[in-house]
Amino acid sequence: VGAKVEVPTGAVVVDGTGKFVTPGLIDDHSHIGVYAAPGTDAESDGNEATTPVTAEVWAEHSFWPQDPQIPLAIAGGITTIQALPGSANLIGGRSAILKLIPARTVQEMKFPGAHYGLKMACGENPKRVYGRRGGPSTRMGNMAGYRAAFIQAEGYRRKWDAWNKDHKGDPPDRNLRLESLAEVLRGNMYVQNHCYRADEMAQMLDLAHEFGFKIRSFHHAVESYKIADLLSKEGTAVSVWADWWGFKEEAMDGIQQNAALNQQAGGRSIIHSDDPSGICGSWGQNECSAQTSAVTGVVASLPSDSASVPGAAYTPIWEWSSIRPGVTNFPVPSTTTAPVGTSTFAPTATILPSLNAIEPVGISCPVAVMIVALRITTGGLGWRTYVEGYCSRPTLVLSALAAGVAAAAGAGVCPARAPLDAHAPVKASNSNSGCRMLGTSRALT
């Protein structure tokens, strides 16, 4: 970056003439790796839904570094994620801050110096999961559960802090659950709070004041615009979707200006994915930010400063995601234009050195169904085929055609489309029947 750049010996040179370069994007709410493709029960490792408080579990112990969704996230420009446990529990466990790099172990992917997060969840999810299993079954039960857990953690922290001062006598017994909560109370672990309604976010801030900790970000935060001034005063970020709401009762009162109003009030607005295969997803974080900007005038999650970058939810990560001298954490787009709704990024050798080809095999789209089949060549590992998708009805149609993409005829299936250009980006949305089509290019050299 700059007028004169000293090129190191052996550096990879990429001709960026006429192309766009963006910082590597950070997704601060991801379930990649803990809900790995192809999404069967065997890969469902995100929710330890056995008791309402499971602060003792760590997302990194569920994370699969070979999840086929990882190269697709990179193809969308994502280079760093916060992998979170799910939201079934009041307190769901520790998050992991990870660099999306080819790796055999999760330890290789961990971001140096990043704070752990603690996933917490408000509202419908915990009371739905545990309402007939001993509770909580109400929102007041949820709040009582948080308070009881942190009361225990306060006593645990005091015992360990006293012993650590002089190391006299035997140390207290370790308790993995209370150990995580004590780190929150010490300010060493950042609370990442799934919460939709404004009134509940305010209640959670009261809880944080009672026990002396800080909520780093409210995730989803569909009604955060109602208390944008309060959140700004608290220094609590909001990690939101571009324009998704209305899928359950507590998510009904969303507006497209949510992120903009929070930023206007001086708060931190972050665009997240949550679901690796739907909504904006890792595939289109740029598209979601552009969509938000087009509707509201706000540029959210495009990392230009500490006020707008997702990494602000777990500093010092935001400094990694910027274009400035000494930082090379950015992908190069595979196209010279960047229209909304177009996949603009392809993995390059500088991002995925162990992969030498990513090639679409076939896509077929019934209404409300998205399936992606990719044949991936991995260096020294041979051919593998991965299929990933979701549906809202039981019938899935997959047409794997090596020459490109064609759709099956019949009711509810997308009309036939021309074969994919091997080096062209694939449009991320198809206006026919509300289908979504996703893909990457073969531009790996």
Protein backbone atom coordinates (compact mmCIF):
# COMPACT_ATOMS: atom_id res chain seq x y z
CA VAL A 1 0.00 0.00 0.00
CA GLY A 2 1.53 3.28 -1.06
CA ALA A 3 3.35 4.89 -3.97
CA LYS A 4 6.46 2.77 -3.46
CA VAL A 5 6.39 -0.78 -2.17
CA GLU A 6 9.44 -2.90 -1.44
CA VAL A 7 8.56 -6.29 -2.92
CA PRO A 8 10.09 -9.17 -0.91
CA THR A 9 12.00 -11.83 -2.78
CA GLY A 10 9.72 -14.62 -3.90
CA ALA A 11 6.52 -12.64 -3.35
CA VAL A 12 3.46 -13.60 -5.39
CA VAL A 13 2.58 -10.75 -7.76
CA VAL A 14 -1.07 -10.32 -8.72
CA ASP A 15 -2.04 -7.95 -11.53
CA GLY A 16 -4.87 -5.94 -10.00
CA THR A 17 -5.42 -3.63 -12.95
CA GLY A 18 -9.10 -2.79 -13.23
CA LYS A 19 -10.03 -4.93 -10.23
CA PHE A 20 -11.26 -4.15 -6.76
CA VAL A 21 -9.29 -4.96 -3.61
CA THR A 22 -11.02 -5.06 -0.23
CA PRO A 23 -9.82 -5.91 3.25
CA GLY A 24 -10.39 -9.46 4.39
CA LEU A 25 -13.84 -9.43 5.94
CA ILE A 26 -14.60 -10.58 9.47
CA ASP A 27 -17.75 -12.55 10.25
CA ASP A 28 -18.34 -12.10 13.97
CA HIS A 29 -21.22 -14.62 14.12
CA SER A 30 -20.45 -17.84 12.31
CA HIS A 31 -21.38 -21.49 12.84
CA ILE A 32 -19.05 -22.80 10.16
CA GLY A 33 -17.07 -25.74 11.52
CA VAL A 34 -19.42 -26.42 14.44
CA TYR A 35 -22.34 -27.07 12.07
CA ALA A 36 -20.28 -28.49 9.24
CA ALA A 37 -21.49 -29.60 5.80
CA PRO A 38 -23.36 -31.64 4.76
CA GLY A 39 -25.43 -30.70 7.83
CA THR A 40 -26.49 -34.09 9.15
CA ASP A 41 -26.82 -35.00 12.83
CA ALA A 42 -23.26 -36.32 12.68
CA GLU A 43 -21.97 -32.76 12.11
CA SER A 44 -24.37 -31.03 14.50
CA ASP A 45 -21.95 -29.93 17.22
CA GLY A 46 -23.02 -26.36 17.99
CA ASN A 47 -25.52 -26.74 20.86
CA GLU A 48 -24.77 -28.67 24.04
CA ALA A 49 -28.50 -28.67 24.78
CA THR A 50 -28.35 -30.80 27.90
CA THR A 51 -28.76 -28.11 30.57
CA PRO A 52 -29.51 -24.37 30.37
CA VAL A 53 -26.02 -23.25 31.46
CA THR A 54 -23.05 -24.85 29.70
CA ALA A 55 -20.33 -22.23 30.10
CA GLU A 56 -17.85 -25.09 30.37
CA VAL A 57 -17.98 -26.03 26.67
CA TRP A 58 -15.73 -24.44 24.02
CA ALA A 59 -16.65 -24.06 20.36
CA GLU A 60 -13.09 -24.91 19.33
CA HIS A 61 -13.59 -28.44 20.67
CA SER A 62 -16.38 -28.95 18.12
CA PHE A 63 -14.77 -27.12 15.20
CA TRP A 64 -13.90 -29.19 12.10
CA PRO A 65 -11.07 -27.47 10.16
CA GLN A 66 -11.92 -29.44 7.00
CA ASP A 67 -15.52 -28.21 6.82
CA PRO A 68 -16.23 -27.83 3.05
CA GLN A 69 -17.94 -24.51 3.78
CA ILE A 70 -14.63 -22.87 4.70
CA PRO A 71 -13.28 -22.41 1.13
CA LEU A 72 -16.68 -21.08 0.11
CA ALA A 73 -16.53 -18.50 2.89
CA ILE A 74 -13.09 -17.46 1.69
CA ALA A 75 -14.48 -17.20 -1.83
CA GLY A 76 -16.91 -14.64 -0.41
CA GLY A 77 -14.07 -12.58 1.06
CA ILE A 78 -14.26 -13.84 4.66
CA THR A 79 -10.82 -14.34 6.19
CA THR A 80 -11.59 -14.32 9.94
CA ILE A 81 -14.58 -15.65 11.90
CA GLN A 82 -15.92 -15.89 15.40
CA ALA A 83 -17.19 -19.47 15.61
CA LEU A 84 -19.97 -19.50 18.19
CA PRO A 85 -21.98 -22.16 19.99
CA GLY A 86 -25.69 -22.13 19.18
CA SER A 87 -28.43 -20.32 21.08
CA ALA A 88 -30.35 -23.15 22.75
CA ASN A 89 -28.89 -22.37 26.16
CA LEU A 90 -28.94 -19.38 28.50
CA ILE A 91 -25.15 -19.60 28.48
CA GLY A 92 -23.88 -21.73 25.63
CA GLY A 93 -20.09 -21.73 25.99
CA ARG A 94 -16.92 -20.12 24.67
CA SER A 95 -16.45 -18.84 21.14
CA ALA A 96 -13.32 -19.27 19.03
CA ILE A 97 -11.71 -16.51 16.93
CA LEU A 98 -10.23 -18.20 13.87
CA LYS A 99 -8.36 -17.33 10.69
CA LEU A 100 -9.76 -19.17 7.70
CA ILE A 101 -6.59 -20.84 6.50
CA PRO A 102 -5.89 -24.39 5.34
CA ALA A 103 -5.25 -26.29 8.56
CA ARG A 104 -5.40 -29.74 10.05
CA THR A 105 -6.17 -28.57 13.58
CA VAL A 106 -8.19 -25.75 15.07
CA GLN A 107 -5.15 -24.63 17.07
CA GLU A 108 -3.42 -23.69 13.81
CA MET A 109 -6.36 -21.41 12.94
CA LYS A 110 -6.68 -19.51 16.24
CA PHE A 111 -6.13 -15.77 16.01
CA PRO A 112 -3.19 -14.73 18.21
CA GLY A 113 -4.17 -12.50 21.10
CA ALA A 114 -7.92 -12.64 20.49
CA HIS A 115 -10.14 -12.77 23.54
CA TYR A 116 -12.51 -15.66 24.01
CA GLY A 117 -16.20 -14.77 23.79
CA LEU A 118 -19.00 -16.22 25.92
CA LYS A 119 -22.20 -17.00 24.03
CA MET A 120 -25.40 -16.13 25.88
CA ALA A 121 -28.98 -16.19 24.60
CA CYS A 122 -32.19 -14.37 25.52
CA GLY A 123 -35.81 -14.90 24.75
CA GLU A 124 -37.61 -17.65 22.93
CA ASN A 125 -34.84 -20.17 22.30
CA PRO A 126 -33.89 -21.22 25.86
CA LYS A 127 -37.48 -21.28 27.12
CA ARG A 128 -38.60 -23.27 24.09
CA VAL A 129 -35.81 -25.83 24.47
CA TYR A 130 -36.12 -26.25 28.26
CA GLY A 131 -39.76 -25.30 28.95
CA ARG A 132 -40.81 -28.94 29.29
CA ARG A 133 -37.47 -30.19 30.57
CA GLY A 134 -37.33 -28.53 33.97
CA GLY A 135 -37.13 -24.91 32.80
CA PRO A 136 -36.71 -22.09 32.31
CA SER A 137 -40.09 -21.77 30.63
CA THR A 138 -40.47 -17.97 30.81
CA ARG A 139 -38.35 -14.88 30.27
CA MET A 140 -38.30 -14.25 34.02
CA GLY A 141 -37.02 -17.79 34.39
CA ASN A 142 -34.30 -16.99 31.89
CA MET A 143 -33.19 -13.98 33.92
CA ALA A 144 -33.20 -15.96 37.17
CA GLY A 145 -30.99 -18.56 35.49
CA TYR A 146 -28.38 -16.00 34.44
CA ARG A 147 -28.32 -14.43 37.89
CA ALA A 148 -27.95 -17.76 39.71
CA ALA A 149 -25.03 -18.71 37.47
CA PHE A 150 -23.18 -15.44 38.03
CA ILE A 151 -23.81 -15.51 41.79
CA GLN A 152 -22.02 -18.87 41.88
CA ALA A 153 -19.26 -17.48 39.66
CA GLU A 154 -18.70 -14.51 41.97
CA GLY A 155 -17.95 -16.83 44.91
CA TYR A 156 -15.69 -18.98 42.75
CA ARG A 157 -13.77 -15.94 41.47
CA ARG A 158 -13.23 -14.59 45.01
CA LYS A 159 -11.78 -17.91 46.20
CA TRP A 160 -9.36 -18.16 43.30
CA ASP A 161 -8.37 -14.47 43.41
CA ALA A 162 -7.58 -14.83 47.13
CA TRP A 163 -5.50 -17.97 46.57
CA ASN A 164 -3.64 -16.43 43.63
CA LYS A 165 -2.45 -13.55 45.83
CA ASP A 166 -0.30 -15.68 48.14
CA HIS A 167 -0.72 -19.34 47.05
CA LYS A 168 -1.21 -20.35 50.69
CA GLY A 169 -2.71 -23.76 51.25
CA ASP A 170 -4.27 -25.97 48.62
CA PRO A 171 -5.86 -24.26 45.62
CA PRO A 172 -9.65 -24.30 45.34
CA ASP A 173 -11.20 -27.09 43.28
CA ARG A 174 -11.53 -26.25 39.60
CA ASN A 175 -14.99 -25.93 38.06
CA LEU A 176 -14.91 -25.52 34.28
CA ARG A 177 -18.34 -23.88 34.13
CA LEU A 178 -17.58 -21.30 36.81
CA GLU A 179 -14.07 -20.79 35.42
CA SER A 180 -15.48 -19.33 32.21
CA LEU A 181 -17.98 -17.15 34.05
CA ALA A 182 -15.25 -15.91 36.40
CA GLU A 183 -13.22 -14.82 33.36
CA VAL A 184 -16.23 -12.75 32.24
CA LEU A 185 -16.38 -11.13 35.68
CA ARG A 186 -12.65 -10.35 35.47
CA GLY A 187 -13.16 -8.69 32.08
CA ASN A 188 -11.01 -11.22 30.25
CA MET A 189 -13.83 -12.84 28.25
CA TYR A 190 -16.30 -10.91 26.09
CA VAL A 191 -20.04 -11.62 26.24
CA GLN A 192 -21.64 -12.18 22.81
CA ASN A 193 -25.39 -12.07 23.46
CA HIS A 194 -28.06 -13.50 21.13
CA CYS A 195 -31.03 -11.18 21.72
CA TYR A 196 -33.86 -9.80 19.55
CA ARG A 197 -36.16 -7.54 21.57
CA ALA A 198 -35.17 -4.09 22.76
CA ASP A 199 -36.65 -4.57 26.23
CA GLU A 200 -34.65 -7.77 26.75
CA MET A 201 -31.42 -6.12 25.64
CA ALA A 202 -32.05 -3.44 28.26
CA GLN A 203 -32.67 -6.17 30.86
CA MET A 204 -29.39 -7.84 29.92
CA LEU A 205 -27.55 -4.55 30.34
CA ASP A 206 -29.06 -4.35 33.85
CA LEU A 207 -27.74 -7.87 34.51
CA ALA A 208 -24.28 -6.83 33.33
CA HIS A 209 -24.37 -3.81 35.66
CA GLU A 210 -25.44 -5.99 38.60
CA PHE A 211 -22.44 -8.29 38.21
CA GLY A 212 -19.93 -5.79 36.85
CA PHE A 213 -19.26 -7.17 33.38
CA LYS A 214 -19.72 -5.77 29.88
CA ILE A 215 -21.77 -7.11 26.98
CA ARG A 216 -19.54 -6.73 23.94
CA SER A 217 -22.23 -7.20 21.27
CA PHE A 218 -25.91 -8.07 20.95
CA HIS A 219 -26.30 -10.53 18.09
CA HIS A 220 -29.27 -10.40 15.67
CA ALA A 221 -30.59 -7.44 17.70
CA VAL A 222 -33.60 -6.95 15.43
CA GLU A 223 -35.09 -4.24 17.67
CA SER A 224 -31.81 -2.54 18.62
CA TYR A 225 -32.82 0.61 16.73
CA LYS A 226 -35.33 1.29 19.53
CA ILE A 227 -32.55 1.67 22.10
CA ALA A 228 -29.71 2.81 19.83
CA ASP A 229 -28.85 5.70 22.17
CA LEU A 230 -28.65 3.36 25.17
CA LEU A 231 -26.43 0.88 23.32
CA SER A 232 -24.15 3.67 22.15
CA LYS A 233 -23.79 4.98 25.69
CA GLU A 234 -22.93 1.48 26.92
CA GLY A 235 -20.40 0.93 24.14
CA THR A 236 -22.17 -2.28 23.15
CA ALA A 237 -22.09 -3.22 19.47
CA VAL A 238 -24.93 -4.79 17.47
CA SER A 239 -24.26 -7.69 15.08
CA VAL A 240 -27.22 -7.73 12.70
CA TRP A 241 -28.52 -9.00 9.37
CA ALA A 242 -28.92 -6.62 6.46
CA ASP A 243 -32.69 -7.04 6.11
CA TRP A 244 -33.88 -10.34 7.62
CA TRP A 245 -36.57 -10.56 10.29
CA GLY A 246 -40.12 -11.79 10.84
CA PHE A 247 -39.31 -15.51 11.04
CA LYS A 248 -40.51 -15.85 14.65
CA GLU A 249 -42.46 -13.75 17.11
CA GLU A 250 -39.54 -11.99 18.79
CA ALA A 251 -38.11 -11.10 15.36
CA MET A 252 -41.24 -9.42 14.00
CA ASP A 253 -40.43 -5.75 14.56
CA GLY A 254 -37.40 -5.32 12.34
CA ILE A 255 -36.68 -2.47 9.94
CA GLN A 256 -34.16 -2.02 7.13
CA GLN A 257 -32.70 1.03 8.85
CA ASN A 258 -31.65 -0.93 11.96
CA ALA A 259 -27.90 -0.82 11.34
CA ALA A 260 -28.05 2.78 10.10
CA LEU A 261 -29.88 4.08 13.16
CA ASN A 262 -27.42 2.41 15.51
CA GLN A 263 -24.49 3.91 13.64
CA GLN A 264 -26.21 7.30 13.52
CA ALA A 265 -26.51 7.17 17.31
CA GLY A 266 -22.76 6.64 17.59
CA GLY A 267 -22.89 2.88 18.06
CA ARG A 268 -21.08 0.02 16.33
CA SER A 269 -23.11 -1.69 13.62
CA ILE A 270 -21.82 -5.02 12.30
CA ILE A 271 -23.29 -7.16 9.51
CA HIS A 272 -23.05 -10.85 10.37
CA SER A 273 -24.04 -14.10 8.67
CA ASP A 274 -25.21 -16.57 11.38
CA ASP A 275 -26.13 -19.26 8.85
CA PRO A 276 -23.34 -20.54 6.58
CA SER A 277 -25.73 -21.58 3.81
CA GLY A 278 -28.52 -19.05 3.78
CA ILE A 279 -29.61 -15.44 4.14
CA CYS A 280 -26.49 -13.36 3.41
CA GLY A 281 -24.18 -16.07 4.61
CA SER A 282 -20.45 -16.19 4.25
CA TRP A 283 -21.02 -16.33 0.52
CA GLY A 284 -22.27 -12.77 0.28
CA GLN A 285 -21.07 -10.64 3.18
CA ASN A 286 -20.13 -7.96 0.66
CA GLU A 287 -23.59 -8.15 -0.89
CA CYS A 288 -25.25 -7.72 2.51
CA SER A 289 -23.13 -4.69 3.35
CA ALA A 290 -23.90 -3.21 -0.06
CA GLN A 291 -27.58 -3.99 0.41
CA THR A 292 -27.59 -2.22 3.77
CA SER A 293 -25.78 0.75 2.29
CA ALA A 294 -28.13 1.01 -0.68
CA VAL A 295 -31.21 1.08 1.53
CA THR A 296 -29.95 3.17 4.43
CA GLY A 297 -26.77 4.95 3.42
CA VAL A 298 -24.75 3.19 6.13
CA VAL A 299 -21.62 1.20 5.38
CA ALA A 300 -21.66 -1.55 7.98
CA SER A 301 -19.08 -4.33 8.48
CA LEU A 302 -16.75 -2.87 5.87
CA PRO A 303 -13.67 -2.52 8.05
CA SER A 304 -12.36 1.02 7.73
CA ASP A 305 -12.18 2.05 11.37
CA SER A 306 -12.79 0.69 14.84
CA ALA A 307 -16.35 2.02 14.91
CA SER A 308 -17.68 -0.03 12.02
CA VAL A 309 -15.54 -3.15 11.87
CA PRO A 310 -16.85 -6.51 13.13
CA GLY A 311 -13.54 -7.21 14.87
CA ALA A 312 -14.36 -4.41 17.31
CA ALA A 313 -16.50 -7.03 19.04
CA TYR A 314 -13.29 -8.85 19.95
CA THR A 315 -10.35 -6.42 19.61
CA PRO A 316 -7.51 -6.44 18.54
CA ILE A 317 -8.95 -8.20 15.48
CA TRP A 318 -10.17 -5.05 13.73
CA GLU A 319 -6.60 -3.97 13.07
CA TRP A 320 -6.10 -7.14 11.02
CA SER A 321 -8.94 -6.33 8.67
CA SER A 322 -7.85 -3.14 6.95
CA ILE A 323 -5.90 -2.01 3.92
CA ARG A 324 -2.81 -0.30 5.24
CA PRO A 325 0.96 -0.75 5.23
CA GLY A 326 2.04 -4.10 6.63
CA VAL A 327 -1.34 -5.82 6.30
CA THR A 328 -1.89 -8.38 3.55
CA ASN A 329 -5.07 -10.01 4.80
CA PHE A 330 -7.22 -9.29 1.78
CA PRO A 331 -8.52 -11.26 -1.21
CA VAL A 332 -8.42 -10.07 -4.82
CA PRO A 333 -11.77 -10.00 -6.64
CA SER A 334 -12.18 -12.21 -9.70
CA THR A 335 -14.12 -9.62 -11.67
CA THR A 336 -13.57 -6.04 -12.77
CA THR A 337 -17.04 -4.99 -11.67
CA ALA A 338 -18.78 -5.39 -8.33
CA PRO A 339 -22.57 -5.38 -8.80
CA VAL A 340 -24.77 -6.28 -5.86
CA GLY A 341 -25.96 -9.86 -6.22
CA THR A 342 -22.77 -11.06 -7.88
CA SER A 343 -20.13 -13.26 -6.33
CA THR A 344 -17.06 -11.06 -6.75
CA PHE A 345 -14.36 -13.05 -4.99
CA ALA A 346 -12.46 -16.17 -5.94
CA PRO A 347 -9.93 -17.89 -3.70
CA THR A 348 -6.40 -17.21 -4.84
CA ALA A 349 -3.11 -18.97 -4.26
CA THR A 350 -2.28 -16.38 -1.61
CA ILE A 351 -5.43 -17.31 0.32
CA LEU A 352 -5.68 -21.07 -0.26
CA PRO A 353 -2.26 -22.38 -1.23
CA SER A 354 -3.25 -26.02 -0.69
CA LEU A 355 -6.13 -25.96 -3.18
CA ASN A 356 -5.54 -25.95 -6.92
CA ALA A 357 -9.06 -26.06 -8.34
CA ILE A 358 -12.60 -25.31 -7.26
CA GLU A 359 -15.14 -26.18 -9.90
CA PRO A 360 -18.96 -26.09 -9.96
CA VAL A 361 -20.36 -29.50 -10.84
CA GLY A 362 -24.07 -28.85 -10.75
CA ILE A 363 -26.86 -26.89 -9.15
CA SER A 364 -30.60 -27.46 -9.28
CA CYS A 365 -33.06 -25.23 -7.47
CA PRO A 366 -36.61 -26.16 -6.46
CA VAL A 367 -38.57 -23.30 -4.92
CA ALA A 368 -37.29 -22.44 -1.43
CA VAL A 369 -34.48 -24.97 -1.82
CA MET A 370 -30.80 -24.29 -2.33
CA ILE A 371 -28.32 -27.07 -3.01
CA VAL A 372 -24.72 -26.60 -4.06
CA ALA A 373 -22.54 -29.42 -5.31
CA LEU A 374 -18.85 -28.69 -5.62
CA ARG A 375 -16.10 -30.96 -6.84
CA ILE A 376 -12.94 -29.79 -5.14
CA THR A 377 -9.42 -30.78 -6.09
CA THR A 378 -7.14 -30.64 -3.07
CA GLY A 379 -3.41 -30.80 -3.32
CA GLY A 380 -2.27 -34.38 -2.78
CA LEU A 381 -5.63 -35.52 -1.41
CA GLY A 382 -7.43 -36.48 -4.63
CA TRP A 383 -10.97 -35.73 -5.72
CA ARG A 384 -13.72 -35.24 -3.24
CA THR A 385 -17.32 -34.24 -3.79
CA TYR A 386 -19.21 -32.25 -1.18
CA VAL A 387 -22.91 -31.48 -1.20
CA GLU A 388 -24.35 -28.86 1.12
CA GLY A 389 -27.82 -27.41 1.28
CA TYR A 390 -31.01 -26.72 3.15
CA CYS A 391 -34.69 -26.94 2.27
CA SER A 392 -38.12 -26.01 3.54
CA ARG A 393 -39.80 -29.08 2.09
CA PRO A 394 -38.78 -32.74 1.94
CA THR A 395 -37.94 -33.13 -1.76
CA LEU A 396 -34.48 -32.09 -2.92
CA VAL A 397 -33.46 -32.21 -6.57
CA LEU A 398 -29.80 -32.34 -7.48
CA SER A 399 -28.56 -32.42 -11.05
CA ALA A 400 -24.78 -32.89 -11.19
CA LEU A 401 -23.67 -32.03 -14.72
CA ALA A 402 -19.94 -31.62 -15.24
CA ALA A 403 -20.42 -29.29 -18.22
CA GLY A 404 -22.24 -26.73 -16.10
CA VAL A 405 -25.61 -26.10 -14.52
CA ALA A 406 -28.94 -27.27 -15.94
CA ALA A 407 -32.23 -27.54 -14.11
CA ALA A 408 -34.67 -30.41 -14.17
CA ALA A 409 -38.03 -29.79 -15.84
CA GLY A 410 -41.18 -29.89 -13.81
CA ALA A 411 -43.22 -27.94 -11.33
CA GLY A 412 -41.33 -25.91 -8.77
CA VAL A 413 -37.93 -26.29 -10.44
CA CYS A 414 -35.89 -23.40 -11.81
CA PRO A 415 -35.90 -22.99 -15.60
CA ALA A 416 -32.85 -24.27 -17.47
CA ARG A 417 -29.82 -22.00 -17.48
CA ALA A 418 -26.77 -21.74 -19.68
CA PRO A 419 -23.64 -23.64 -18.61
CA LEU A 420 -21.33 -21.77 -16.28
CA ASP A 421 -18.32 -20.01 -17.67
CA ALA A 422 -15.48 -21.67 -15.81
CA HIS A 423 -13.86 -18.32 -15.06
CA ALA A 424 -16.93 -16.14 -14.54
CA PRO A 425 -18.62 -15.40 -11.23
CA VAL A 426 -22.03 -16.97 -10.67
CA LYS A 427 -24.93 -14.69 -9.81
CA ALA A 428 -25.94 -15.25 -6.23
CA SER A 429 -29.64 -14.81 -6.81
CA ASN A 430 -32.06 -15.97 -9.48
CA SER A 431 -35.29 -14.07 -9.93
CA ASN A 432 -37.08 -17.18 -11.22
CA SER A 433 -39.23 -18.78 -8.52
CA GLY A 434 -37.19 -17.18 -5.73
CA CYS A 435 -34.30 -19.62 -6.17
CA ARG A 436 -30.76 -18.91 -5.07
CA MET A 437 -27.76 -20.07 -7.05
CA LEU A 438 -24.25 -19.91 -5.66
CA GLY A 439 -20.84 -20.86 -6.98
CA THR A 440 -17.18 -19.97 -7.21
CA SER A 441 -14.72 -19.73 -10.07
CA ARG A 442 -11.84 -22.00 -11.04
CA ALA A 443 -9.37 -19.14 -10.86
CA LEU A 444 -6.88 -20.91 -8.63
CA THR A 445 -3.39 -20.94 -10.02
